[in-house]
Protein backbone atom coordinates (compact mmCIF):
# COMPACT_ATOMS: atom_id res chain seq x y z
CA MET A 1 12.04 -2.91 -3.66
CA ASP A 2 8.53 -4.19 -2.41
CA ILE A 3 5.34 -2.38 -2.76
CA GLU A 4 2.84 -2.66 -0.53
CA PHE A 5 -1.01 -1.00 -0.49
CA ILE A 6 -2.53 -0.08 3.24
CA PRO A 7 -5.96 -1.80 3.12
CA GLU A 8 -7.67 1.50 2.32
CA ALA A 9 -5.44 2.39 -0.71
CA GLU A 10 -6.04 -0.84 -2.17
CA LYS A 11 -9.71 -0.17 -2.10
CA ASP A 12 -8.78 2.94 -3.94
CA TYR A 13 -7.30 0.83 -6.63
CA LYS A 14 -10.01 -1.61 -6.99
CA LEU A 15 -12.56 1.24 -7.62
CA LEU A 16 -10.48 2.40 -10.65
CA ASP A 17 -11.26 1.80 -14.30
CA GLY A 18 -8.94 -0.33 -16.28
CA SER A 19 -7.27 2.50 -18.04
CA ILE A 20 -6.64 4.37 -15.21
CA LYS A 21 -5.43 1.13 -13.46
CA LYS A 22 -2.90 0.83 -16.37
CA LEU A 23 -1.45 3.98 -15.77
CA VAL A 24 -1.08 3.55 -12.35
CA ASN A 25 0.53 0.34 -12.84
CA GLU A 26 3.07 2.14 -14.59
CA LYS A 27 3.81 4.84 -12.31
CA ILE A 28 4.03 2.22 -9.70
CA ASP A 29 6.86 0.32 -11.73
CA ASP A 30 8.56 3.50 -12.05
CA LEU A 31 8.58 3.64 -8.21
CA LYS A 32 10.50 0.41 -8.15
CA ASP A 33 13.09 1.85 -10.14
CA ASP A 34 13.31 4.92 -7.86
CA ALA A 35 11.31 5.44 -4.84
CA TYR A 36 12.42 9.18 -4.88
CA ILE A 37 10.56 10.23 -8.19
CA GLY A 38 7.80 11.59 -6.54
CA GLU A 39 7.29 15.08 -4.82
CA GLU A 40 7.51 15.49 -1.39
CA LEU A 41 4.79 16.29 0.20
CA GLY A 42 4.54 18.50 3.31
CA ASN A 43 1.65 20.53 5.00
CA LYS A 44 -1.46 20.51 2.79
CA ASN A 45 -4.32 22.97 3.90
CA ASN A 46 -3.24 21.99 7.62
CA ILE A 47 -3.04 17.97 6.85
CA ASP A 48 0.38 16.93 7.66
CA LEU A 49 1.81 14.64 4.99
CA THR A 50 5.29 15.30 6.05
CA GLY A 51 7.68 12.16 5.15
CA TYR A 52 4.72 11.30 2.27
CA TYR A 53 5.14 11.79 -1.38
CA LYS A 54 2.79 12.09 -4.34
CA ILE A 55 3.20 11.11 -8.17
CA TYR A 56 0.81 12.30 -10.53
CA VAL A 57 -1.42 9.65 -12.97
CA ALA A 58 -3.28 10.60 -15.95
CA LYS A 59 -2.42 13.88 -16.93
CA LYS A 60 -2.01 15.13 -13.05
CA LYS A 61 -6.11 13.99 -12.89
CA TYR A 62 -5.18 11.33 -10.30
CA ARG A 63 -2.73 11.23 -7.84
CA ILE A 64 -0.69 8.22 -5.80
CA VAL A 65 0.41 9.38 -1.99
CA TYR A 66 3.05 6.94 -0.76
CA ARG A 67 5.91 6.88 1.92
CA ILE A 68 8.89 5.01 1.85
CA VAL A 69 9.68 2.61 5.11
CA LYS A 70 12.75 2.02 5.96
CA ASN A 71 13.57 -1.26 7.62
CA GLU A 72 16.26 -3.87 6.39
CA ILE A 73 14.70 -3.37 2.91
CA GLU A 74 13.29 -0.14 1.65
CA ILE A 75 9.18 -0.72 1.21
CA ILE A 76 7.11 2.11 -0.76
CA GLU A 77 3.76 2.02 1.20
CA ILE A 78 0.83 2.99 -0.96
CA TRP A 79 -1.51 5.38 1.15
CA GLY A 80 -3.91 6.69 -1.45
CA ILE A 81 -4.70 6.71 -5.02
CA GLY A 82 -7.49 9.32 -6.01
CA LYS A 83 -8.58 12.31 -8.53
CA ARG A 84 -7.29 15.40 -7.76
CA ASP A 85 -10.40 17.32 -7.17
CA LYS A 86 -10.51 20.03 -4.08
CA MET A 87 -7.51 17.98 -2.65
CA GLU A 88 -9.67 14.77 -1.72
CA ILE A 89 -7.05 12.40 -1.84
CA TYR A 90 -4.72 14.27 0.69
CA LYS A 91 -8.02 14.47 3.13
CA ASP A 92 -8.51 11.27 2.98
CA VAL A 93 -4.61 9.90 3.71
CA GLY A 94 -4.93 12.37 6.14
CA LYS A 95 -7.82 10.52 7.83
CA ARG A 96 -5.79 7.27 7.22
CA ILE A 97 -2.67 8.64 9.12
CA LYS A 98 -4.50 9.79 12.18
CA LYS A 99 -6.61 6.47 12.22
CA ARG A 100 -3.27 4.68 12.41
CA LYS A 101 -1.61 6.50 15.24
């Protein structure tokens, strides 16, 4: 299974400190084995995240938000990585989704 980051999520990743990056990398490796390990998201405070999933990192302090793209092969597309605080990562991903429509 391929993993791709949208450009904004790649920036999120680069801003993480080394210890968090290591934990994120472990979760991404887990995703390669089973894309459906995350929890399905729906509507979060009027942010439509239907079709997206979340997995927790660092004792739920960070979340990775992703979706599964099915073409000839399945691709996991990372849309955001960020802190749990005040649903900021969901707001960021919501903006990214709107921008790409």
